[in-house]
N, C-alpha and C. Protein backbone atom coordinates (compact mmCIF):
# COMPACT_ATOMS: atom_id res chain seq x y z
N MET A 1 46.67 -48.88 69.82
CA MET A 1 46.45 -47.47 70.07
C MET A 1 46.88 -46.68 68.84
N LYS A 2 46.18 -45.60 68.59
CA LYS A 2 46.49 -44.73 67.46
C LYS A 2 46.70 -43.31 68.00
N VAL A 3 47.77 -42.69 67.59
CA VAL A 3 48.03 -41.29 67.93
C VAL A 3 48.49 -40.61 66.65
N GLN A 4 47.68 -39.68 66.14
CA GLN A 4 48.01 -38.97 64.90
C GLN A 4 47.39 -37.58 64.94
N PRO A 5 47.99 -36.63 64.26
CA PRO A 5 47.35 -35.32 64.13
C PRO A 5 46.12 -35.40 63.23
N ILE A 6 45.17 -34.55 63.45
CA ILE A 6 43.96 -34.48 62.61
C ILE A 6 44.35 -34.34 61.15
N GLU A 7 45.32 -33.48 60.87
CA GLU A 7 45.71 -33.18 59.49
C GLU A 7 46.33 -34.38 58.78
N ALA A 8 46.71 -35.43 59.50
CA ALA A 8 47.29 -36.63 58.88
C ALA A 8 46.24 -37.47 58.16
N HIS A 9 44.97 -37.16 58.37
CA HIS A 9 43.88 -37.92 57.77
C HIS A 9 43.38 -37.24 56.50
N GLU A 10 43.07 -38.04 55.51
CA GLU A 10 42.60 -37.52 54.23
C GLU A 10 41.29 -36.74 54.41
N GLN A 11 41.22 -35.58 53.79
CA GLN A 11 40.02 -34.73 53.85
C GLN A 11 39.33 -34.78 52.50
N ASN A 12 38.03 -35.06 52.52
CA ASN A 12 37.25 -35.16 51.29
C ASN A 12 36.01 -34.28 51.37
N PRO A 13 35.58 -33.74 50.22
CA PRO A 13 34.33 -32.97 50.22
C PRO A 13 33.15 -33.83 50.65
N VAL A 14 32.22 -33.24 51.37
CA VAL A 14 30.98 -33.92 51.71
C VAL A 14 30.18 -34.05 50.42
N GLN A 15 29.83 -35.26 50.03
CA GLN A 15 29.20 -35.53 48.74
C GLN A 15 27.67 -35.55 48.77
N MET A 16 27.07 -35.39 49.93
CA MET A 16 25.60 -35.44 50.01
C MET A 16 24.98 -34.22 49.33
N ASP A 17 23.84 -34.41 48.67
CA ASP A 17 23.11 -33.30 48.07
C ASP A 17 22.80 -32.26 49.14
N GLY A 18 22.95 -31.00 48.77
CA GLY A 18 22.63 -29.91 49.69
C GLY A 18 23.79 -29.43 50.52
N ALA A 19 24.99 -30.00 50.35
CA ALA A 19 26.18 -29.53 51.06
C ALA A 19 26.94 -28.55 50.19
N SER A 20 27.56 -27.56 50.83
CA SER A 20 28.37 -26.59 50.12
C SER A 20 29.55 -26.18 50.99
N GLY A 21 30.76 -26.36 50.49
CA GLY A 21 31.95 -25.93 51.22
C GLY A 21 32.25 -26.75 52.46
N ALA A 22 31.72 -27.96 52.55
CA ALA A 22 31.94 -28.82 53.71
C ALA A 22 32.86 -29.98 53.34
N LYS A 23 33.83 -30.25 54.22
CA LYS A 23 34.76 -31.36 54.03
C LYS A 23 34.81 -32.21 55.29
N MET A 24 35.14 -33.50 55.12
CA MET A 24 35.17 -34.41 56.26
C MET A 24 36.44 -35.26 56.25
N ARG A 25 36.94 -35.53 57.45
CA ARG A 25 38.02 -36.48 57.67
C ARG A 25 37.49 -37.57 58.59
N MET A 26 37.69 -38.84 58.25
CA MET A 26 37.36 -39.94 59.14
C MET A 26 38.59 -40.14 60.04
N LEU A 27 38.47 -39.80 61.31
CA LEU A 27 39.60 -39.89 62.23
C LEU A 27 39.72 -41.29 62.82
N ILE A 28 38.60 -41.85 63.24
CA ILE A 28 38.56 -43.21 63.77
C ILE A 28 37.30 -43.85 63.22
N GLY A 29 37.46 -45.00 62.58
CA GLY A 29 36.30 -45.64 61.96
C GLY A 29 36.59 -47.03 61.48
N PRO A 30 36.13 -47.36 60.28
CA PRO A 30 36.30 -48.72 59.75
C PRO A 30 37.76 -49.15 59.65
N ALA A 31 38.66 -48.26 59.30
CA ALA A 31 40.07 -48.64 59.14
C ALA A 31 40.67 -49.12 60.46
N GLU A 32 40.17 -48.59 61.56
CA GLU A 32 40.64 -48.99 62.89
C GLU A 32 39.79 -50.13 63.48
N GLN A 33 38.79 -50.53 62.73
CA GLN A 33 37.84 -51.55 63.20
C GLN A 33 37.16 -51.10 64.50
N ALA A 34 36.86 -49.81 64.57
CA ALA A 34 36.17 -49.25 65.74
C ALA A 34 34.78 -49.87 65.82
N LYS A 35 34.45 -50.51 66.91
CA LYS A 35 33.21 -51.27 67.04
C LYS A 35 32.06 -50.48 67.65
N ASN A 36 32.34 -49.37 68.34
CA ASN A 36 31.28 -48.65 69.03
C ASN A 36 31.00 -47.26 68.47
N PHE A 37 32.05 -46.52 68.14
CA PHE A 37 31.88 -45.15 67.67
C PHE A 37 32.81 -44.88 66.50
N HIS A 38 32.40 -43.95 65.65
CA HIS A 38 33.27 -43.40 64.62
C HIS A 38 33.44 -41.92 64.93
N MET A 39 34.67 -41.43 64.78
CA MET A 39 34.98 -40.02 65.04
C MET A 39 35.35 -39.35 63.73
N ARG A 40 34.65 -38.25 63.44
CA ARG A 40 34.89 -37.53 62.19
C ARG A 40 35.20 -36.07 62.49
N HIS A 41 36.00 -35.47 61.62
CA HIS A 41 36.34 -34.05 61.71
C HIS A 41 35.74 -33.36 60.49
N PHE A 42 34.95 -32.33 60.73
CA PHE A 42 34.36 -31.57 59.64
C PHE A 42 34.97 -30.17 59.61
N SER A 43 35.14 -29.65 58.41
CA SER A 43 35.55 -28.28 58.17
C SER A 43 34.55 -27.68 57.18
N VAL A 44 34.04 -26.49 57.52
CA VAL A 44 33.06 -25.82 56.66
C VAL A 44 33.57 -24.41 56.40
N GLU A 45 33.74 -24.08 55.13
CA GLU A 45 34.28 -22.76 54.78
C GLU A 45 33.24 -21.68 55.08
N PRO A 46 33.69 -20.41 55.21
CA PRO A 46 32.74 -19.33 55.47
C PRO A 46 31.63 -19.32 54.42
N GLY A 47 30.39 -19.22 54.89
CA GLY A 47 29.23 -19.24 53.99
C GLY A 47 28.79 -20.64 53.61
N GLY A 48 29.56 -21.66 53.97
CA GLY A 48 29.23 -23.04 53.62
C GLY A 48 28.29 -23.68 54.62
N TYR A 49 27.87 -24.91 54.29
CA TYR A 49 26.93 -25.62 55.15
C TYR A 49 26.93 -27.11 54.83
N THR A 50 26.52 -27.87 55.84
CA THR A 50 26.30 -29.30 55.66
C THR A 50 24.90 -29.47 55.08
N PRO A 51 24.56 -30.66 54.58
CA PRO A 51 23.21 -30.86 54.03
C PRO A 51 22.14 -30.79 55.13
N HIS A 52 20.95 -30.38 54.75
CA HIS A 52 19.80 -30.41 55.66
C HIS A 52 19.22 -31.80 55.53
N HIS A 53 19.38 -32.62 56.57
CA HIS A 53 19.04 -34.04 56.47
C HIS A 53 18.72 -34.62 57.83
N GLN A 54 18.35 -35.90 57.82
CA GLN A 54 18.13 -36.65 59.05
C GLN A 54 18.55 -38.08 58.82
N HIS A 55 18.74 -38.81 59.91
CA HIS A 55 19.08 -40.23 59.85
C HIS A 55 18.71 -40.88 61.16
N ASP A 56 18.82 -42.19 61.22
CA ASP A 56 18.29 -42.92 62.37
C ASP A 56 19.30 -43.11 63.50
N TYR A 57 20.29 -42.25 63.58
CA TYR A 57 21.26 -42.30 64.67
C TYR A 57 21.56 -40.90 65.17
N GLU A 58 21.94 -40.80 66.42
CA GLU A 58 22.30 -39.51 67.02
C GLU A 58 23.73 -39.15 66.68
N HIS A 59 24.09 -37.87 66.89
CA HIS A 59 25.50 -37.50 66.92
C HIS A 59 25.77 -36.58 68.09
N GLU A 60 27.03 -36.68 68.52
CA GLU A 60 27.57 -35.79 69.54
C GLU A 60 28.67 -34.97 68.87
N ILE A 61 28.63 -33.66 69.09
CA ILE A 61 29.54 -32.75 68.38
C ILE A 61 30.21 -31.82 69.38
N VAL A 62 31.48 -31.55 69.15
CA VAL A 62 32.19 -30.50 69.88
C VAL A 62 32.78 -29.55 68.83
N VAL A 63 32.50 -28.26 69.00
CA VAL A 63 32.95 -27.24 68.05
C VAL A 63 34.36 -26.81 68.44
N LEU A 64 35.30 -26.97 67.51
CA LEU A 64 36.71 -26.63 67.77
C LEU A 64 37.04 -25.19 67.41
N LYS A 65 36.55 -24.74 66.25
CA LYS A 65 36.88 -23.40 65.74
C LYS A 65 35.68 -22.81 65.03
N GLY A 66 35.61 -21.48 65.03
CA GLY A 66 34.60 -20.79 64.25
C GLY A 66 33.26 -20.65 64.95
N SER A 67 32.27 -20.26 64.15
CA SER A 67 30.91 -20.06 64.67
C SER A 67 29.91 -20.37 63.57
N GLY A 68 28.68 -20.59 63.99
CA GLY A 68 27.67 -20.92 63.01
C GLY A 68 26.29 -20.99 63.60
N VAL A 69 25.40 -21.58 62.81
CA VAL A 69 24.01 -21.78 63.21
C VAL A 69 23.67 -23.25 62.99
N ALA A 70 23.09 -23.86 64.02
CA ALA A 70 22.56 -25.21 63.92
C ALA A 70 21.07 -25.09 63.64
N LYS A 71 20.65 -25.59 62.50
CA LYS A 71 19.23 -25.54 62.13
C LYS A 71 18.59 -26.87 62.51
N SER A 72 17.43 -26.80 63.14
CA SER A 72 16.73 -28.02 63.53
C SER A 72 15.23 -27.77 63.53
N GLU A 73 14.48 -28.79 63.86
CA GLU A 73 13.03 -28.67 63.92
C GLU A 73 12.59 -27.70 65.00
N GLN A 74 13.44 -27.45 65.98
CA GLN A 74 13.12 -26.51 67.06
C GLN A 74 13.55 -25.08 66.73
N GLY A 75 14.11 -24.86 65.54
CA GLY A 75 14.55 -23.52 65.16
C GLY A 75 16.06 -23.44 65.06
N ASP A 76 16.56 -22.24 64.84
CA ASP A 76 17.99 -21.99 64.68
C ASP A 76 18.64 -21.71 66.03
N ARG A 77 19.83 -22.28 66.22
CA ARG A 77 20.60 -22.05 67.45
C ARG A 77 22.01 -21.65 67.06
N GLU A 78 22.47 -20.51 67.53
CA GLU A 78 23.84 -20.08 67.29
C GLU A 78 24.80 -20.90 68.15
N PHE A 79 26.01 -21.12 67.62
CA PHE A 79 27.04 -21.82 68.38
C PHE A 79 28.41 -21.26 68.01
N SER A 80 29.40 -21.54 68.85
CA SER A 80 30.77 -21.10 68.58
C SER A 80 31.75 -22.08 69.22
N ALA A 81 33.03 -21.84 68.98
CA ALA A 81 34.08 -22.72 69.49
C ALA A 81 33.90 -22.96 70.98
N GLY A 82 34.03 -24.22 71.37
CA GLY A 82 33.87 -24.60 72.77
C GLY A 82 32.49 -25.12 73.10
N ASP A 83 31.52 -24.94 72.20
CA ASP A 83 30.17 -25.44 72.43
C ASP A 83 30.07 -26.91 72.05
N ILE A 84 29.08 -27.58 72.64
CA ILE A 84 28.76 -28.94 72.27
C ILE A 84 27.34 -28.95 71.71
N ILE A 85 27.07 -29.91 70.83
CA ILE A 85 25.76 -30.04 70.19
C ILE A 85 25.38 -31.51 70.22
N TRP A 86 24.15 -31.80 70.60
CA TRP A 86 23.63 -33.16 70.53
C TRP A 86 22.46 -33.17 69.56
N VAL A 87 22.51 -34.03 68.57
CA VAL A 87 21.43 -34.17 67.59
C VAL A 87 20.80 -35.55 67.80
N PRO A 88 19.54 -35.59 68.25
CA PRO A 88 18.90 -36.90 68.43
C PRO A 88 18.63 -37.59 67.09
N ALA A 89 18.44 -38.88 67.14
CA ALA A 89 18.11 -39.66 65.95
C ALA A 89 16.85 -39.12 65.30
N ASN A 90 16.83 -39.13 63.98
CA ASN A 90 15.67 -38.75 63.14
C ASN A 90 15.30 -37.28 63.18
N GLU A 91 16.15 -36.42 63.75
CA GLU A 91 15.87 -34.99 63.75
C GLU A 91 16.51 -34.34 62.52
N MET A 92 15.73 -33.56 61.77
CA MET A 92 16.27 -32.79 60.66
C MET A 92 17.29 -31.79 61.22
N HIS A 93 18.45 -31.66 60.56
CA HIS A 93 19.48 -30.75 61.06
C HIS A 93 20.42 -30.33 59.94
N GLN A 94 21.07 -29.20 60.18
CA GLN A 94 22.05 -28.64 59.26
C GLN A 94 22.94 -27.70 60.05
N PHE A 95 24.22 -27.62 59.67
CA PHE A 95 25.16 -26.70 60.30
C PHE A 95 25.66 -25.72 59.25
N GLN A 96 25.52 -24.44 59.54
CA GLN A 96 25.93 -23.39 58.61
C GLN A 96 27.03 -22.55 59.25
N ASN A 97 28.07 -22.25 58.48
CA ASN A 97 29.14 -21.39 58.95
C ASN A 97 28.72 -19.94 58.70
N THR A 98 28.52 -19.21 59.77
CA THR A 98 28.11 -17.80 59.67
C THR A 98 29.26 -16.85 59.97
N GLY A 99 30.43 -17.40 60.27
CA GLY A 99 31.59 -16.57 60.61
C GLY A 99 32.47 -16.30 59.42
N GLY A 100 33.56 -15.58 59.67
CA GLY A 100 34.50 -15.22 58.62
C GLY A 100 35.66 -16.19 58.48
N ASP A 101 35.75 -17.16 59.39
CA ASP A 101 36.82 -18.16 59.36
C ASP A 101 36.21 -19.55 59.20
N ALA A 102 37.08 -20.52 58.95
CA ALA A 102 36.60 -21.90 58.83
C ALA A 102 35.94 -22.35 60.13
N LEU A 103 34.87 -23.09 59.98
CA LEU A 103 34.19 -23.75 61.09
C LEU A 103 34.74 -25.17 61.15
N GLU A 104 35.17 -25.62 62.33
CA GLU A 104 35.67 -26.98 62.49
C GLU A 104 34.99 -27.62 63.68
N PHE A 105 34.57 -28.88 63.50
CA PHE A 105 33.98 -29.61 64.62
C PHE A 105 34.27 -31.09 64.51
N ILE A 106 34.25 -31.74 65.66
CA ILE A 106 34.37 -33.19 65.77
C ILE A 106 32.98 -33.75 65.96
N CYS A 107 32.65 -34.82 65.25
CA CYS A 107 31.34 -35.45 65.31
C CYS A 107 31.51 -36.93 65.58
N LEU A 108 30.86 -37.42 66.63
CA LEU A 108 30.86 -38.84 66.97
C LEU A 108 29.53 -39.45 66.57
N ILE A 109 29.59 -40.62 65.95
CA ILE A 109 28.39 -41.36 65.55
C ILE A 109 28.55 -42.82 65.95
N PRO A 110 27.45 -43.54 66.08
CA PRO A 110 27.56 -44.98 66.38
C PRO A 110 28.15 -45.74 65.20
N ALA A 111 28.78 -46.85 65.49
CA ALA A 111 29.34 -47.73 64.45
C ALA A 111 28.71 -49.10 64.62
N PRO A 112 28.66 -49.91 63.61
CA PRO A 112 28.98 -49.63 62.21
C PRO A 112 27.80 -48.96 61.51
N MET A 113 28.11 -48.27 60.45
CA MET A 113 27.08 -47.57 59.69
C MET A 113 27.66 -47.03 58.40
N ASP A 114 26.82 -46.38 57.63
CA ASP A 114 27.26 -45.72 56.41
C ASP A 114 28.04 -44.48 56.82
N CYS A 115 29.33 -44.48 56.58
CA CYS A 115 30.20 -43.39 57.05
C CYS A 115 30.21 -42.19 56.13
N SER A 116 29.42 -42.20 55.09
CA SER A 116 29.42 -41.08 54.15
C SER A 116 28.54 -39.94 54.61
N LYS A 117 27.77 -40.12 55.68
CA LYS A 117 26.82 -39.08 56.13
C LYS A 117 27.33 -38.35 57.33
């Protein structure tokens, strides 16, 4: 079992092309030998955004702090703290911080996979 604060995990800038002001922490993943899911924490500064991209796996997201816009093939959807977001596999998507404070969310993805996305 692992019990640690979010802040105890190293935070790194999102390195994918098209990202600005986005950082990620791997909370549970390869280091824990997690076989089913990886849990990541993202922080996006005001005006920042994740890359506009797609991949062959879904994600489940819970928004912890802040507000923003989720961009997808179905259009833009506003969200705020306490909301959940489901992104199906292969759907183009991007998260933009439209608020004045940091946007923070937890994102679950299937494992194993490339954890840089």
